[in-house]
Amino acid sequence: QVQLVESGGGLVHAGGSLRLSCAASGSIFSIHVMGWYRQAPLKQRELVAVISDGTTNYGDSVKGRFTISRDNAKNTVYLQMNSLKPEDTAVYYCNAAGLDYGLEQYDYWGQGTQVTVSS
């Protein structure tokens, strides 16, 4: 089992910043990719940003405003969100995929953290 614990969500005014964190723990042999996705009410879950072996990929709507980073020693991924807009309001979910100690593939999601941007 792998556990993902997210933190850092909250309420912010448009133009403000927030930093999300997600720490992975448990039966982790390796983590191949970590990332953030979000889901707004009545919308499908969408990619925000992922990072794998130092390579990053961003959703079009957040490019230039959000930055994903990872601390491999802490099995933690961060999402720095700047210039936030009301349309960034959503539940943000952390995702991690890799191999557990049994060398079995895993793909886990965090419980989600609410980000609300007021206009």
Protein backbone atom coordinates (compact mmCIF):
# COMPACT_ATOMS: atom_id res chain seq x y z
CA GLN A 1 0.00 0.00 0.00
CA VAL A 2 1.08 3.53 -0.79
CA GLN A 3 -0.39 6.54 0.94
CA LEU A 4 -0.47 10.05 -0.50
CA VAL A 5 -1.08 12.96 1.85
CA GLU A 6 -1.82 16.34 0.29
CA SER A 7 -1.67 19.73 1.93
CA GLY A 8 -1.66 23.41 1.03
CA GLY A 9 -5.07 24.03 -0.44
CA GLY A 10 -7.27 26.91 0.62
CA LEU A 11 -8.97 30.14 -0.37
CA VAL A 12 -7.07 32.86 -2.20
CA HIS A 13 -7.94 35.98 -4.17
CA ALA A 14 -7.41 36.10 -7.90
CA GLY A 15 -3.80 36.88 -8.69
CA GLY A 16 -2.59 35.22 -5.53
CA SER A 17 -0.45 32.15 -4.99
CA LEU A 18 -0.67 28.80 -3.26
CA ARG A 19 1.73 25.90 -2.88
CA LEU A 20 0.46 22.35 -2.73
CA SER A 21 2.46 19.46 -1.31
CA CYS A 22 1.96 15.73 -1.60
CA ALA A 23 4.01 13.25 0.40
CA ALA A 24 4.09 9.59 -0.52
CA SER A 25 4.77 6.86 2.01
CA GLY A 26 4.39 3.12 2.42
CA SER A 27 5.57 0.24 0.27
CA ILE A 28 7.56 2.34 -2.17
CA PHE A 29 10.42 0.76 -4.09
CA SER A 30 10.39 3.47 -6.72
CA ILE A 31 8.23 6.32 -7.96
CA HIS A 32 8.26 6.76 -11.72
CA VAL A 33 5.91 9.67 -12.01
CA MET A 34 4.15 12.06 -9.69
CA GLY A 35 1.62 14.62 -10.68
CA TRP A 36 -1.35 16.79 -10.00
CA TYR A 37 -4.80 16.65 -11.52
CA ARG A 38 -7.87 18.70 -10.76
CA GLN A 39 -11.61 18.37 -11.00
CA ALA A 40 -14.04 21.26 -10.93
CA PRO A 41 -17.77 20.74 -10.28
CA LEU A 42 -19.53 19.13 -13.23
CA LYS A 43 -16.26 18.79 -15.14
CA GLN A 44 -13.95 15.89 -15.87
CA ARG A 45 -10.69 15.43 -14.03
CA GLU A 46 -7.89 17.10 -16.00
CA LEU A 47 -4.12 17.11 -15.99
CA VAL A 48 -2.46 20.00 -14.20
CA ALA A 49 1.19 18.90 -14.18
CA VAL A 50 3.31 15.77 -13.98
CA ILE A 51 6.98 15.17 -13.36
CA SER A 52 9.02 12.09 -14.22
CA ASP A 53 12.82 11.77 -14.08
CA GLY A 54 13.05 15.55 -14.13
CA THR A 55 10.83 15.94 -17.16
CA THR A 56 7.71 18.01 -16.66
CA ASN A 57 4.46 18.32 -18.55
CA TYR A 58 1.73 20.89 -17.94
CA GLY A 59 -1.88 21.34 -18.91
CA ASP A 60 -2.31 24.17 -21.39
CA SER A 61 -4.38 26.26 -19.01
CA VAL A 62 -1.64 26.45 -16.36
CA LYS A 63 1.51 26.78 -18.47
CA GLY A 64 3.60 29.74 -17.36
CA ARG A 65 1.72 30.08 -14.06
CA PHE A 66 2.21 26.76 -12.25
CA THR A 67 5.47 24.95 -11.49
CA ILE A 68 5.79 21.34 -10.44
CA SER A 69 8.82 20.10 -8.54
CA ARG A 70 9.84 17.00 -6.66
CA ASP A 71 12.03 16.11 -3.71
CA ASN A 72 13.04 12.52 -4.35
CA ALA A 73 14.59 12.09 -0.91
CA LYS A 74 11.25 12.94 0.68
CA ASN A 75 9.04 11.26 -1.93
CA THR A 76 7.24 14.57 -2.13
CA VAL A 77 5.88 16.55 -5.05
CA TYR A 78 5.04 20.23 -4.95
CA LEU A 79 2.87 22.47 -7.08
CA GLN A 80 3.58 26.18 -6.95
CA MET A 81 0.56 28.02 -8.28
CA ASN A 82 0.95 31.69 -9.17
CA SER A 83 -1.36 34.22 -10.82
CA LEU A 84 -4.35 32.15 -9.77
CA LYS A 85 -7.63 32.67 -11.57
CA PRO A 86 -11.20 31.86 -10.50
CA GLU A 87 -11.25 29.13 -13.15
CA ASP A 88 -8.47 27.36 -11.23
CA THR A 89 -11.01 26.59 -8.52
CA ALA A 90 -11.20 22.81 -8.16
CA VAL A 91 -10.28 19.85 -6.02
CA TYR A 92 -6.64 19.07 -6.70
CA TYR A 93 -5.55 15.43 -6.57
CA CYS A 94 -2.05 14.06 -6.25
CA ASN A 95 -1.10 10.95 -8.20
CA ALA A 96 1.90 8.67 -7.94
CA ALA A 97 2.86 5.62 -9.95
CA GLY A 98 5.81 3.27 -9.65
CA LEU A 99 6.87 -0.06 -8.16
CA ASP A 100 6.24 -1.32 -4.63
CA TYR A 101 8.57 -3.53 -2.61
CA GLY A 102 7.07 -6.55 -4.28
CA LEU A 103 8.06 -5.01 -7.62
CA GLU A 104 4.41 -4.71 -8.49
CA GLN A 105 3.19 -1.59 -10.28
CA TYR A 106 1.04 0.78 -8.32
CA ASP A 107 -0.97 3.87 -9.21
CA TYR A 108 -2.46 5.75 -6.28
CA TRP A 109 -4.44 8.93 -5.74
CA GLY A 110 -4.55 11.28 -2.80
CA GLN A 111 -7.76 12.29 -1.11
CA GLY A 112 -7.80 15.70 -2.79
CA THR A 113 -7.39 19.24 -1.52
CA GLN A 114 -9.74 22.10 -2.29
CA VAL A 115 -8.41 25.21 -4.00
CA THR A 116 -10.82 28.13 -4.24
CA VAL A 117 -9.93 31.34 -6.07
CA SER A 118 -12.23 34.28 -5.49
CA SER A 119 -12.66 37.06 -8.03
